[in-house]
C-alpha atoms as a PDB file:
ATOM      1  CA  MET A   1       6.591  -0.042  -0.422  1.00  0.00           C
ATOM      2  CA  ALA A   2       7.550   1.198   3.084  1.00  0.00           C
ATOM      3  CA  LYS A   3      10.178   1.327   5.522  1.00  0.00           C
ATOM      4  CA  CYS A   4      10.519  -1.238   7.871  1.00  0.00           C
ATOM      5  CA  THR A   5       9.892  -0.151  11.468  1.00  0.00           C
ATOM      6  CA  VAL A   6      13.163  -2.250  13.458  1.00  0.00           C
ATOM      7  CA  HIS A   7      14.913  -1.006  10.101  1.00  0.00           C
ATOM      8  CA  PRO A   8      14.992   2.188   8.667  1.00  0.00           C
ATOM      9  CA  GLU A   9      16.581   2.535   6.189  1.00  0.00           C
ATOM     10  CA  ARG A  10      15.457  -1.257   4.735  1.00  0.00           C
ATOM     11  CA  ASP A  11      12.100  -1.148   2.150  1.00  0.00           C
ATOM     12  CA  THR A  12       9.615  -3.597   3.118  1.00  0.00           C
ATOM     13  CA  SER A  13       6.347  -4.779   1.636  1.00  0.00           C
ATOM     14  CA  TYR A  14       5.398  -7.011   4.954  1.00  0.00           C
ATOM     15  CA  GLN A  15       2.674  -5.505   7.277  1.00  0.00           C
ATOM     16  CA  CYS A  16       1.460  -6.662  10.754  1.00  0.00           C
ATOM     17  CA  HIS A  17      -2.069  -4.932  10.211  1.00  0.00           C
ATOM     18  CA  LYS A  18      -2.760  -6.171  13.592  1.00  0.00           C
ATOM     19  CA  HIS A  19       0.075  -4.592  15.206  1.00  0.00           C
ATOM     20  CA  LYS A  20       0.375  -1.325  12.569  1.00  0.00           C
ATOM     21  CA  VAL A  21       3.825  -1.971  12.285  1.00  0.00           C
ATOM     22  CA  TRP A  22       6.105  -2.793   9.064  1.00  0.00           C
ATOM     23  CA  LEU A  23       9.152  -5.344   9.307  1.00  0.00           C
ATOM     24  CA  CYS A  24      12.312  -6.401   6.678  1.00  0.00           C
ATOM     25  CA  ARG A  25      12.277  -9.986   5.947  1.00  0.00           C
ATOM     26  CA  LYS A  26      14.735 -10.334   8.269  1.00  0.00           C
ATOM     27  CA  CYS A  27      13.206  -9.085  11.334  1.00  0.00           C
ATOM     28  CA  LEU A  28       9.917 -11.075   9.819  1.00  0.00           C
ATOM     29  CA  ALA A  29       8.066 -12.738  12.676  1.00  0.00           C
ATOM     30  CA  CYS A  30       4.632 -13.246  14.345  1.00  0.00           C
ATOM     31  CA  ARG A  31       4.870 -10.695  17.621  1.00  0.00           C
ATOM     32  CA  ASP A  32       2.023 -13.068  19.367  1.00  0.00           C
ATOM     33  CA  PRO A  33       2.252 -16.740  17.771  1.00  0.00           C
ATOM     34  CA  HIS A  34      -0.392 -18.056  20.330  1.00  0.00           C
ATOM     35  CA  ILE A  35      -2.877 -15.120  20.307  1.00  0.00           C
ATOM     36  CA  TYR A  36      -5.572 -15.317  18.418  1.00  0.00           C
ATOM     37  CA  CYS A  37      -5.604 -12.663  15.535  1.00  0.00           C
ATOM     38  CA  ARG A  38      -8.524 -12.045  13.546  1.00  0.00           C
ATOM     39  CA  TYR A  39      -6.054 -11.190  10.533  1.00  0.00           C
ATOM     40  CA  ARG A  40      -4.725 -14.482  10.823  1.00  0.00           C
ATOM     41  CA  SER A  41      -5.891 -16.738   7.488  1.00  0.00           C
ATOM     42  CA  SER A  42      -4.032 -13.384   5.146  1.00  0.00           C
ATOM     43  CA  CYS A  43      -1.663 -12.606   7.030  1.00  0.00           C
ATOM     44  CA  ILE A  44       1.850 -13.025   5.347  1.00  0.00           C
ATOM     45  CA  ILE A  45       4.303 -13.223   8.228  1.00  0.00           C
ATOM     46  CA  TRP A  46       1.956 -15.388  10.524  1.00  0.00           C
ATOM     47  CA  PHE A  47       2.414 -18.219   7.268  1.00  0.00           C
ATOM     48  CA  ALA A  48       6.396 -17.372   6.583  1.00  0.00           C
ATOM     49  CA  THR A  49       6.674 -17.389  10.306  1.00  0.00           C
ATOM     50  CA  LYS A  50       5.136 -20.912  10.285  1.00  0.00           C
ATOM     51  CA  ARG A  51       6.705 -22.142   7.230  1.00  0.00           C
ATOM     52  CA  ASP A  52       9.858 -20.967   8.573  1.00  0.00           C
ATOM     53  CA  LYS A  53       8.970 -22.875  12.541  1.00  0.00           C
ATOM     54  CA  GLU A  54       8.234 -26.149  10.633  1.00  0.00           C
ATOM     55  CA  ASN A  55      11.808 -25.906   7.883  1.00  0.00           C
ATOM     56  CA  SER A  56      13.740 -26.020  11.608  1.00  0.00           C
ATOM     57  CA  LEU A  57      12.241 -28.605  12.766  1.00  0.00           C
ATOM     58  CA  SER A  58      13.398 -31.109   9.779  1.00  0.00           C
END
Protein backbone atom coordinates (compact mmCIF):
# COMPACT_ATOMS: atom_id res chain seq x y z
CA MET A 1 0.00 0.00 0.00
CA ALA A 2 1.03 3.56 -0.70
CA LYS A 3 -0.51 7.01 -0.39
CA CYS A 4 -2.38 8.70 -3.23
CA THR A 5 -0.27 11.38 -4.89
CA VAL A 6 -3.23 13.79 -5.03
CA HIS A 7 -4.83 12.79 -1.70
CA PRO A 8 -1.97 11.81 0.64
CA GLU A 9 -4.41 10.94 3.41
CA ARG A 10 -5.76 8.01 1.33
CA ASP A 11 -4.15 4.58 1.01
CA THR A 12 -4.10 3.01 -2.44
CA SER A 13 -2.68 0.10 -4.37
CA TYR A 14 -3.08 1.65 -7.85
CA GLN A 15 0.20 2.82 -9.36
CA CYS A 16 0.81 4.41 -12.76
CA HIS A 17 4.13 2.89 -13.80
CA LYS A 18 4.61 5.40 -16.61
CA HIS A 19 4.35 8.51 -14.42
CA LYS A 20 5.43 6.83 -11.16
CA VAL A 21 2.40 8.13 -9.25
CA TRP A 22 -0.09 6.46 -6.93
CA LEU A 23 -3.80 7.15 -7.40
CA CYS A 24 -6.79 6.44 -5.17
CA ARG A 25 -10.10 5.24 -6.61
CA LYS A 26 -11.38 8.83 -6.84
CA CYS A 27 -8.32 9.90 -8.89
CA LEU A 28 -8.16 6.73 -10.95
CA ALA A 29 -7.87 7.90 -14.55
CA CYS A 30 -5.29 7.39 -17.24
CA ARG A 31 -3.27 10.58 -17.64
CA ASP A 32 -2.42 9.89 -21.31
CA PRO A 33 -5.34 7.87 -22.72
CA HIS A 34 -4.47 8.66 -26.36
CA ILE A 35 -0.69 8.29 -26.15
CA TYR A 36 1.03 4.92 -26.38
CA CYS A 37 2.23 3.54 -23.07
CA ARG A 38 4.43 0.45 -22.93
CA TYR A 39 2.87 -0.48 -19.57
CA ARG A 40 -0.71 -0.37 -20.90
CA SER A 41 -1.12 -4.13 -21.37
CA SER A 42 -0.73 -4.62 -17.62
CA CYS A 43 -2.06 -1.29 -16.33
CA ILE A 44 -5.05 -1.53 -13.99
CA ILE A 45 -5.55 2.23 -14.24
CA TRP A 46 -5.91 2.14 -18.02
CA PHE A 47 -8.34 -0.79 -17.90
CA ALA A 48 -10.44 0.79 -15.14
CA THR A 49 -10.57 4.11 -17.03
CA LYS A 50 -11.60 2.32 -20.23
CA ARG A 51 -14.29 0.31 -18.40
CA ASP A 52 -15.69 3.43 -16.71
CA LYS A 53 -15.82 5.26 -20.05
CA GLU A 54 -17.63 2.34 -21.72
CA ASN A 55 -20.13 2.15 -18.86
CA SER A 56 -20.90 5.86 -19.11
CA LEU A 57 -21.70 5.47 -22.83
CA SER A 58 -24.25 2.71 -22.15
